[in-house]
Protein backbone atom coordinates (compact mmCIF):
# COMPACT_ATOMS: atom_id res chain seq x y z
CA MET A 1 68.30 6.34 17.33
CA LEU A 2 67.35 4.15 14.28
CA ARG A 3 66.05 1.55 16.65
CA ALA A 4 63.69 4.18 18.36
CA LEU A 5 62.54 5.42 14.88
CA ALA A 6 61.85 1.82 13.91
CA ARG A 7 59.86 1.19 17.03
CA ALA A 8 57.83 4.31 16.55
CA LEU A 9 57.04 3.34 12.93
CA VAL A 10 56.06 -0.19 14.07
CA PHE A 11 53.64 1.35 16.76
CA LEU A 12 52.12 3.58 14.19
CA VAL A 13 51.43 0.86 11.79
CA VAL A 14 49.94 -1.22 14.58
CA LEU A 15 47.80 1.78 15.66
CA ALA A 16 46.77 2.33 12.29
CA ALA A 17 45.80 -1.38 11.89
CA VAL A 18 43.83 -1.24 15.08
CA ILE A 19 41.93 1.89 14.21
CA GLY A 20 41.38 0.49 10.59
CA GLY A 21 40.15 -2.83 12.14
CA GLY A 22 37.80 -0.98 14.31
CA VAL A 23 36.44 1.07 11.61
CA ALA A 24 35.93 -2.09 9.51
CA TRP A 25 34.14 -3.75 12.43
CA PHE A 26 31.84 -0.77 12.90
CA LEU A 27 30.92 -0.65 9.31
CA HIS A 28 30.47 -4.34 9.17
CA GLU A 29 27.89 -4.26 12.19
CA TYR A 30 26.34 -1.26 10.81
CA ARG A 31 25.58 -2.96 7.47
CA SER A 32 24.60 -6.40 8.96
CA PRO A 33 20.96 -7.32 9.49
CA GLY A 34 19.66 -5.89 12.79
CA PRO A 35 17.73 -7.84 15.57
CA LEU A 36 14.11 -6.81 14.55
CA THR A 37 12.05 -9.88 14.19
CA ALA A 38 8.61 -8.27 13.38
CA PRO A 39 7.69 -5.07 11.68
CA ALA A 40 7.89 -2.03 13.95
CA THR A 41 6.56 1.50 13.51
CA LEU A 42 8.24 4.41 15.37
CA VAL A 43 7.37 8.05 15.53
CA ILE A 44 10.59 10.23 15.39
CA GLU A 45 9.51 13.48 17.10
CA ARG A 46 10.59 16.87 15.69
CA GLY A 47 13.79 18.10 17.37
CA SER A 48 15.14 14.71 17.96
CA GLY A 49 18.94 14.69 17.75
CA LEU A 50 20.96 11.77 16.39
CA THR A 51 21.93 10.54 19.86
CA ALA A 52 18.23 10.43 20.73
CA ILE A 53 17.22 8.75 17.53
CA ALA A 54 19.85 6.10 18.17
CA ALA A 55 18.65 5.43 21.67
CA GLN A 56 14.92 5.36 20.44
CA LEU A 57 16.00 2.61 17.82
CA GLU A 58 17.83 0.59 20.41
CA ALA A 59 14.89 0.78 22.87
CA ALA A 60 12.58 -0.46 20.13
CA GLY A 61 14.89 -3.28 19.00
CA VAL A 62 15.45 -1.94 15.68
CA VAL A 63 19.14 -1.74 16.21
CA GLU A 64 21.35 -3.95 18.57
CA ASN A 65 23.66 -1.22 19.70
CA ARG A 66 23.11 2.52 19.58
CA TRP A 67 26.78 3.19 19.44
CA VAL A 68 27.12 1.04 16.23
CA PHE A 69 24.39 3.14 14.76
CA LEU A 70 25.95 6.43 15.82
CA ALA A 71 29.64 5.32 14.68
CA GLY A 72 28.26 3.91 11.46
CA THR A 73 26.07 6.93 10.63
CA ALA A 74 28.98 9.26 11.11
CA LEU A 75 31.61 6.93 9.16
CA ASP A 76 29.14 6.04 6.26
CA GLY A 77 27.39 9.37 5.61
CA GLY A 78 28.15 12.05 8.32
CA ASP A 79 26.49 14.74 6.30
CA ARG A 80 23.13 13.26 6.09
CA VAL A 81 20.22 14.57 8.04
CA LEU A 82 17.73 12.21 9.68
CA LYS A 83 14.14 13.47 9.45
CA ALA A 84 11.36 13.41 11.92
CA GLY A 85 8.23 11.56 11.10
CA GLU A 86 6.53 7.99 11.32
CA TYR A 87 8.59 5.15 9.95
CA ALA A 88 7.83 1.53 9.41
CA PHE A 89 10.90 -0.87 9.94
CA ALA A 90 10.95 -4.16 8.28
CA PRO A 91 12.17 -7.44 10.13
CA GLY A 92 16.04 -7.64 10.02
CA ILE A 93 16.66 -4.10 8.81
CA SER A 94 20.26 -3.19 9.19
CA PRO A 95 21.29 0.04 10.91
CA ALA A 96 22.59 1.36 7.73
CA GLU A 97 19.13 0.71 6.06
CA ALA A 98 17.36 2.36 9.02
CA ALA A 99 19.49 5.38 8.69
CA ASP A 100 18.82 5.62 5.07
CA LEU A 101 15.06 5.35 5.57
CA LEU A 102 15.18 8.19 8.17
CA ALA A 103 17.44 10.41 5.74
CA ARG A 104 15.12 9.89 2.86
CA GLY A 105 11.92 10.78 5.09
CA SER A 106 10.19 7.71 3.81
CA ASN A 107 7.22 8.25 6.18
CA VAL A 108 4.33 5.87 6.64
CA SER A 109 1.41 6.65 4.39
CA HIS A 110 -2.02 6.78 5.69
CA LYS A 111 -5.24 7.31 3.79
CA VAL A 112 -8.63 8.98 4.16
CA THR A 113 -11.49 7.80 1.78
CA VAL A 114 -14.19 10.21 0.89
CA PRO A 115 -17.26 8.27 -0.67
CA GLU A 116 -19.14 9.69 -3.62
CA GLY A 117 -22.25 11.78 -2.91
CA LEU A 118 -21.33 13.24 0.61
CA THR A 119 -21.97 16.92 1.13
CA SER A 120 -19.06 19.19 1.79
CA ALA A 121 -20.10 19.51 5.51
CA GLU A 122 -20.03 15.67 5.79
CA ILE A 123 -16.54 15.64 4.14
CA VAL A 124 -15.08 18.17 6.56
CA ALA A 125 -16.54 16.21 9.37
CA LEU A 126 -14.86 13.14 8.07
CA VAL A 127 -11.47 14.90 7.64
CA GLN A 128 -11.90 16.59 11.04
CA ALA A 129 -12.22 13.20 12.66
CA GLU A 130 -8.97 11.83 11.25
CA PRO A 131 -6.69 11.79 14.42
CA LEU A 132 -3.45 11.65 12.43
CA LEU A 133 -4.14 15.00 10.65
CA THR A 134 -3.58 18.30 12.43
CA GLY A 135 -5.04 21.78 12.56
CA GLU A 136 -8.68 22.75 11.64
CA ALA A 137 -10.25 21.81 8.33
CA GLY A 138 -11.44 25.30 7.95
CA ASP A 139 -14.68 26.62 6.46
CA VAL A 140 -16.94 24.35 4.85
CA PRO A 141 -16.34 24.54 1.02
CA ALA A 142 -19.16 24.79 -1.41
CA ASP A 143 -20.94 21.57 -2.35
CA GLY A 144 -19.64 20.19 -5.52
CA SER A 145 -16.14 21.68 -5.11
CA LEU A 146 -14.57 18.49 -3.58
CA LEU A 147 -13.58 15.32 -5.48
CA PRO A 148 -14.43 12.00 -3.51
CA GLU A 149 -11.80 9.42 -3.68
CA THR A 150 -8.88 7.96 -1.61
CA TYR A 151 -6.27 10.51 -0.44
CA GLN A 152 -2.82 9.48 0.87
CA PHE A 153 -1.35 11.49 3.73
CA ILE A 154 1.42 11.22 6.37
CA ARG A 155 1.12 11.73 10.07
CA GLY A 156 1.08 15.50 10.88
CA ASP A 157 -0.34 16.73 7.51
CA THR A 158 -2.83 19.43 7.96
CA ARG A 159 -6.60 18.98 7.51
CA ALA A 160 -6.63 22.20 5.57
CA ALA A 161 -4.00 20.87 3.13
CA VAL A 162 -6.01 17.56 2.52
CA ILE A 163 -9.27 19.67 1.97
CA GLU A 164 -7.25 21.83 -0.61
CA ARG A 165 -6.02 18.71 -2.37
CA MET A 166 -9.63 17.64 -2.84
CA ARG A 167 -10.46 21.05 -4.21
CA LYS A 168 -7.63 20.90 -6.72
CA ALA A 169 -8.47 17.25 -7.76
CA MET A 170 -12.17 18.39 -8.52
CA ARG A 171 -10.89 21.30 -10.54
CA GLN A 172 -8.56 19.16 -12.58
CA GLU A 173 -11.25 16.36 -13.14
CA ILE A 174 -13.76 18.79 -14.28
CA ASP A 175 -11.43 20.60 -16.70
CA ALA A 176 -10.43 17.35 -18.24
CA LEU A 177 -14.04 16.04 -18.68
CA TRP A 178 -15.46 19.34 -19.76
CA ALA A 179 -12.87 19.53 -22.59
CA ARG A 180 -13.93 16.17 -23.98
CA ARG A 181 -17.89 16.61 -23.37
CA ALA A 182 -20.27 15.33 -25.75
CA ASN A 183 -21.83 17.83 -28.25
CA GLY A 184 -25.30 19.57 -27.67
CA LEU A 185 -25.40 19.28 -23.89
CA PRO A 186 -27.60 22.09 -22.29
CA PHE A 187 -24.88 23.37 -19.86
CA LYS A 188 -23.84 26.97 -19.87
CA SER A 189 -20.79 26.18 -17.65
CA PRO A 190 -18.89 23.28 -16.08
CA GLN A 191 -20.65 24.31 -12.79
CA GLU A 192 -24.08 23.33 -14.25
CA ALA A 193 -22.62 19.75 -15.21
CA VAL A 194 -21.23 19.33 -11.74
CA THR A 195 -24.84 20.21 -10.39
CA LEU A 196 -26.45 17.64 -12.57
CA ALA A 197 -23.86 15.10 -11.72
CA SER A 198 -24.51 15.63 -7.89
CA ILE A 199 -28.15 14.71 -8.62
CA VAL A 200 -27.32 11.62 -10.69
CA GLU A 201 -24.94 10.57 -7.81
CA LYS A 202 -27.59 10.74 -5.27
CA GLU A 203 -30.24 9.05 -7.56
CA THR A 204 -28.41 5.86 -8.13
CA GLY A 205 -25.62 3.81 -6.63
CA VAL A 206 -25.18 1.59 -9.57
CA PRO A 207 -22.25 2.81 -11.83
CA ALA A 208 -23.51 1.07 -14.97
CA GLU A 209 -26.80 2.92 -14.99
CA ARG A 210 -25.52 6.38 -14.28
CA PRO A 211 -25.26 7.33 -18.10
CA ALA A 212 -28.89 6.37 -18.43
CA VAL A 213 -29.86 8.23 -15.42
CA ALA A 214 -28.16 11.24 -16.80
CA SER A 215 -29.92 10.95 -20.02
CA VAL A 216 -33.23 11.06 -18.36
CA PHE A 217 -32.43 14.35 -16.65
CA LEU A 218 -30.89 15.82 -19.84
CA ASN A 219 -33.92 14.71 -21.91
CA ARG A 220 -36.22 16.49 -19.37
CA LEU A 221 -34.07 19.60 -19.33
CA GLN A 222 -34.06 19.91 -23.07
CA ALA A 223 -37.87 19.25 -23.11
CA GLY A 224 -38.51 21.94 -20.45
CA MET A 225 -39.81 19.40 -18.03
CA PRO A 226 -39.00 19.78 -14.26
CA LEU A 227 -36.49 17.24 -13.15
CA GLN A 228 -38.59 16.11 -10.21
CA ALA A 229 -35.56 14.58 -8.29
CA ASP A 230 -36.28 13.61 -4.74
CA PRO A 231 -32.73 14.20 -3.66
CA THR A 232 -33.04 17.93 -4.46
CA VAL A 233 -35.88 18.18 -2.21
CA ILE A 234 -34.05 16.39 0.60
CA TYR A 235 -31.29 18.94 0.04
CA ALA A 236 -33.75 21.84 0.21
CA LEU A 237 -35.03 20.62 3.55
CA THR A 238 -31.61 19.91 5.21
CA GLN A 239 -29.18 22.04 3.22
CA GLY A 240 -26.87 19.01 3.15
CA ARG A 241 -26.05 19.35 6.86
CA LYS A 242 -27.65 16.07 8.10
CA PRO A 243 -29.76 13.10 6.75
CA LEU A 244 -33.53 13.82 6.48
CA GLY A 245 -34.26 10.79 8.67
CA ARG A 246 -37.78 10.31 7.23
CA PRO A 247 -39.55 9.62 3.94
CA LEU A 248 -40.52 12.51 1.84
CA THR A 249 -44.11 13.55 1.92
CA ARG A 250 -46.54 15.21 -0.58
CA ALA A 251 -46.16 18.53 1.47
CA ASP A 252 -42.31 18.31 0.92
CA TRP A 253 -42.88 18.15 -2.87
CA LYS A 254 -44.48 21.63 -2.53
CA LEU A 255 -41.57 23.20 -0.60
CA ASP A 256 -40.97 26.72 -1.80
CA SER A 257 -37.15 26.48 -2.72
CA PRO A 258 -35.01 27.15 -5.53
CA TYR A 259 -33.53 23.62 -4.92
CA ASN A 260 -36.83 21.84 -5.22
CA THR A 261 -36.98 20.46 -8.69
CA TYR A 262 -40.63 19.56 -8.34
CA VAL A 263 -41.61 23.35 -8.19
CA VAL A 264 -38.75 24.78 -10.29
CA THR A 265 -38.05 23.94 -13.71
CA GLY A 266 -34.29 23.51 -14.78
CA LEU A 267 -31.21 22.97 -12.72
CA PRO A 268 -31.19 24.02 -8.89
CA PRO A 269 -28.85 26.97 -8.13
CA GLY A 270 -25.87 24.57 -7.36
CA PRO A 271 -24.76 20.99 -6.50
CA ILE A 272 -26.54 19.06 -3.73
CA ALA A 273 -23.46 16.73 -3.05
CA ASN A 274 -20.01 16.14 -4.24
CA PRO A 275 -20.24 13.75 -7.29
CA GLY A 276 -17.58 11.19 -8.16
CA ARG A 277 -15.74 10.63 -11.38
CA ASP A 278 -18.48 8.30 -12.95
CA ALA A 279 -21.28 10.51 -12.26
CA LEU A 280 -19.27 13.49 -13.66
CA ALA A 281 -18.51 11.55 -16.78
CA ALA A 282 -22.07 10.27 -17.13
CA VAL A 283 -23.31 13.81 -17.52
CA LEU A 284 -20.74 15.02 -19.89
CA LYS A 285 -20.96 11.83 -22.07
CA PRO A 286 -24.34 10.50 -21.26
CA ALA A 287 -26.12 7.58 -22.82
CA VAL A 288 -28.35 8.46 -25.96
CA THR A 289 -31.86 7.43 -24.95
CA ASP A 290 -35.45 8.61 -25.28
CA TYR A 291 -36.10 7.88 -21.66
CA TYR A 292 -37.92 10.42 -19.60
CA TYR A 293 -38.76 8.40 -16.26
CA PHE A 294 -37.27 5.86 -14.11
CA VAL A 295 -38.30 3.99 -10.95
CA ALA A 296 -36.59 1.56 -8.53
CA ASP A 297 -36.66 -1.94 -9.70
CA GLY A 298 -36.29 -3.38 -6.13
CA SER A 299 -32.98 -4.97 -6.49
CA GLY A 300 -30.74 -1.70 -6.15
CA GLY A 301 -31.25 -0.43 -9.74
CA HIS A 302 -33.89 1.18 -11.83
CA VAL A 303 -36.44 0.58 -14.57
CA PHE A 304 -36.54 3.24 -17.26
CA ALA A 305 -39.53 4.45 -19.35
CA ARG A 306 -40.17 6.52 -22.48
CA THR A 307 -43.68 7.60 -21.66
CA LEU A 308 -45.70 8.42 -18.61
CA GLU A 309 -48.03 5.63 -19.17
CA GLU A 310 -45.22 3.08 -19.28
CA HIS A 311 -43.62 4.73 -16.29
CA ASN A 312 -46.92 4.45 -14.23
CA ARG A 313 -47.00 0.71 -14.97
CA ASN A 314 -43.54 0.44 -13.66
CA VAL A 315 -44.35 2.39 -10.49
CA ALA A 316 -47.39 0.13 -9.94
CA GLU A 317 -45.19 -2.94 -10.28
CA TRP A 318 -42.53 -1.49 -7.97
CA GLN A 319 -45.16 -0.69 -5.24
CA LYS A 320 -46.69 -4.07 -5.65
CA ARG A 321 -43.24 -5.70 -5.12
CA ARG A 322 -42.46 -3.40 -2.19
CA GLN A 323 -45.68 -4.40 -0.50
CA ALA A 324 -45.10 -8.10 -0.95
CA ALA A 325 -41.65 -8.28 0.52
CA PRO A 326 -39.59 -6.54 3.17
CA PRO A 327 -37.91 -3.28 2.05
CA THR A 328 -34.53 -3.46 0.63
CA PRO A 329 -32.03 -0.72 0.08
CA GLY A 330 -32.93 -0.66 -3.70
CA ASP A 331 -36.58 -0.26 -2.81
CA ALA A 332 -35.79 2.90 -0.92
CA ALA A 333 -34.55 4.65 -4.21
CA PRO A 334 -37.13 7.14 -5.40
CA ALA A 335 -38.78 7.20 -8.73
CA SER A 336 -38.00 10.21 -11.12
CA GLY A 337 -40.89 11.98 -12.61
CA ASP A 338 -44.73 12.00 -12.04
CA GLU A 339 -44.80 9.23 -9.49
CA THR A 340 -46.62 9.45 -6.24
CA PRO A 341 -45.48 7.81 -2.89
């Protein structure tokens, strides 16, 4: 009897040792570096169970053995839920690290960059063309309501959600800049500031001169002079839906439209594009100048003038330079004020 009991006890000890050794081996393999030799990106589809995920990781070479991954996951954290999504696995990642990545939902981040000065129709088209987003972008928002910048997203995010983030970012940016605006600006509302910022954005691509360009338009507004900004005429002709595709003509300057700042004094009814942070900041904290005119300088920037006589000399010099050399992107920039093509 005692011998039988002793044999049973020895068997149980040996069985426990074998089981314990097996558990220890599984956990050792689970926490050891895996076979991956180069970065790998996998998409775990929604509804994938643990067994399917383990098989997918094995097939992609992320883990050596799916059973080690299954056993290790059960032993090391059986209550964790592995999430669907797109994941980047580093070389040598262990099964335990792979499971942790999936449990945390650390998806691969993608980005969409919205350049300053696009219309809302152009931004919606850009977002609509992003293949990793889902759903429709929805109706085109009002121009001036979306903030140009780079937005991060993960595969499967909706286009409508990304557009809404752009709206929210613009509201926050305007609120912050409006609260710190300079004294004495001729704006009745933040929306008017966005309208002028959109004109500044379209007039110059040189960040350093935006405050000076803003000062020209603000000086003209306060003096009761028309803004005479060519981008507003282009917007009047196209409504921001497409590029004009040709130079402006004298007839265009006479177009009967509330957006044509050659025939209407003051600001147009609304923004003509979506201005970026620098243009918004420029109109709310402009340079203090006595400039009323500017014209392209032939190198991408502009020459500023205080008087019409000085401005006309600058225009003549610009035209002379343009005739003497092939056009450059800077030469295409229009003059502001009483200049003729």
